[in-house]
Protein backbone atom coordinates (compact mmCIF):
# COMPACT_ATOMS: atom_id res chain seq x y z
CA MET A 1 0.00 0.00 0.00
CA HIS A 2 1.08 3.56 -0.55
CA LYS A 3 1.62 6.17 2.12
CA GLN A 4 -1.30 8.45 3.01
CA ILE A 5 -0.90 11.66 4.94
CA ALA A 6 -4.00 13.24 6.46
CA VAL A 7 -3.82 16.92 7.29
CA ASP A 8 -6.17 18.90 9.51
CA LEU A 9 -5.61 22.47 8.39
CA ALA A 10 -5.94 25.36 10.84
CA LYS A 11 -4.93 29.00 10.96
CA SER A 12 -1.46 28.52 12.39
CA VAL A 13 -0.78 24.90 13.42
CA TYR A 14 -1.54 21.87 11.23
CA GLN A 15 -2.06 18.37 12.59
CA VAL A 16 -0.60 15.63 10.37
CA ALA A 17 -1.11 11.86 10.57
CA GLU A 18 0.85 9.42 8.39
CA SER A 19 -0.53 6.00 7.51
CA VAL A 20 1.24 3.29 5.57
CA ARG A 21 -1.11 0.47 6.54
CA ALA A 22 -4.88 0.95 6.36
CA GLY A 23 -6.39 1.77 9.74
CA GLN A 24 -3.06 2.44 11.46
CA VAL A 25 -1.38 5.77 12.07
CA SER A 26 2.39 5.38 12.02
CA GLN A 27 3.34 8.95 12.92
CA ARG A 28 1.72 12.19 14.07
CA ARG A 29 3.03 15.75 13.93
CA ARG A 30 1.92 19.29 14.70
CA LEU A 31 3.51 21.76 12.30
CA ASN A 32 3.35 25.48 11.68
CA ARG A 33 2.97 26.72 8.08
CA GLU A 34 6.67 26.91 7.28
CA ALA A 35 7.44 23.55 8.89
CA PHE A 36 4.51 22.05 6.95
CA ARG A 37 5.91 23.42 3.67
CA ARG A 38 9.29 21.83 4.46
CA TYR A 39 7.57 18.58 5.44
CA ILE A 40 5.86 18.42 2.03
CA GLN A 41 9.18 18.98 0.26
CA GLU A 42 10.91 16.31 2.40
CA GLN A 43 8.67 13.53 1.08
CA ALA A 44 11.06 11.52 -1.09
CA GLU A 45 8.40 9.55 -2.94
CA PRO A 46 4.97 10.66 -4.12
CA VAL A 47 2.34 10.18 -1.42
CA GLU A 48 -1.40 10.75 -1.17
CA TRP A 49 -2.35 13.86 0.80
CA VAL A 50 -5.88 13.79 2.22
CA MET A 51 -7.56 16.95 3.53
CA GLU A 52 -11.00 18.34 4.18
CA ALA A 53 -11.96 20.63 1.31
CA CYS A 54 -11.65 24.34 2.14
CA GLY A 55 -9.94 27.35 0.61
CA THR A 56 -6.65 26.56 2.31
CA ALA A 57 -6.86 22.91 1.23
CA HIS A 58 -7.06 23.98 -2.42
CA TYR A 59 -3.91 26.09 -1.99
CA TRP A 60 -1.98 23.26 -0.32
CA GLY A 61 -3.39 20.83 -2.87
CA ARG A 62 -1.84 22.87 -5.68
CA VAL A 63 1.48 23.04 -3.79
CA THR A 64 1.63 19.28 -3.26
CA GLN A 65 0.46 18.45 -6.79
CA ALA A 66 3.22 20.65 -8.20
CA LEU A 67 5.70 18.37 -6.41
CA GLY A 68 4.19 15.23 -7.96
CA HIS A 69 1.97 14.12 -5.09
CA ARG A 70 -1.64 12.94 -5.29
CA VAL A 71 -4.24 15.03 -3.45
CA THR A 72 -7.63 13.90 -2.20
CA LEU A 73 -9.97 16.56 -0.86
CA LEU A 74 -13.03 15.35 1.02
CA HIS A 75 -16.10 17.40 1.80
CA ALA A 76 -16.44 17.97 5.56
CA ARG A 77 -19.89 16.38 5.65
CA TYR A 78 -18.31 13.08 4.55
CA VAL A 79 -15.60 13.22 7.19
CA LYS A 80 -17.80 14.11 10.16
CA PRO A 81 -19.45 10.66 10.54
CA TYR A 82 -16.00 9.05 10.89
CA ARG A 83 -14.93 11.25 13.81
CA ARG A 84 -14.86 9.41 17.10
CA ARG A 85 -14.98 11.23 20.40
CA ASN A 86 -14.67 15.01 20.64
CA LYS A 87 -13.70 17.33 17.81
CA THR A 88 -9.95 17.79 18.10
CA ASP A 89 -7.27 18.20 15.44
CA ARG A 90 -5.96 14.71 16.20
CA ASN A 91 -9.42 13.10 15.97
CA ASP A 92 -10.11 15.04 12.76
CA CYS A 93 -6.96 13.56 11.18
CA ASP A 94 -8.06 10.05 12.12
CA ALA A 95 -11.52 10.72 10.65
CA ILE A 96 -10.00 12.07 7.42
CA LEU A 97 -7.90 8.90 7.02
CA GLU A 98 -10.89 6.68 7.75
CA ALA A 99 -13.17 8.55 5.32
CA ALA A 100 -10.51 8.35 2.59
CA ARG A 101 -10.68 4.54 2.78
CA CYS A 102 -14.40 4.53 1.97
CA GLN A 103 -14.96 3.76 -1.72
CA GLY A 104 -18.36 5.50 -1.89
CA ILE A 105 -17.07 8.96 -1.04
CA HIS A 106 -16.34 11.16 -4.03
CA PRO A 107 -13.46 13.62 -3.59
CA VAL A 108 -13.60 17.31 -4.43
CA SER A 109 -11.35 18.49 -7.27
CA VAL A 110 -8.50 20.83 -6.39
CA LYS A 111 -9.42 24.28 -7.69
CA SER A 112 -6.93 26.34 -9.65
CA HIS A 113 -5.93 29.78 -8.41
CA ALA A 114 -8.21 31.34 -11.03
CA GLN A 115 -11.19 29.20 -9.94
CA GLN A 116 -10.84 30.36 -6.37
């Protein structure tokens, strides 16, 4: 299986969860914007980035696609049912990974700068 990285985007600190095996998180991180940009560039092989669709997600989707990565944006209403426990950045990342595994959920296309 390929590596998936779920990102819960926020104003200043992003929560990241890496998964190599379905249903298991191998690593978690909390990164500021600049550290997140470096983290994207440090990925040696193309990975799948999974995020909830929002304006910021489209921006980061374009950044990661430009580096050869695959981006999956999921509508928030599809992610919410997969969240267990309280709404926290960590739980949101887990829900994003879980929702990405569901075959019936259709991702949102990454919008170009002009479309936004």
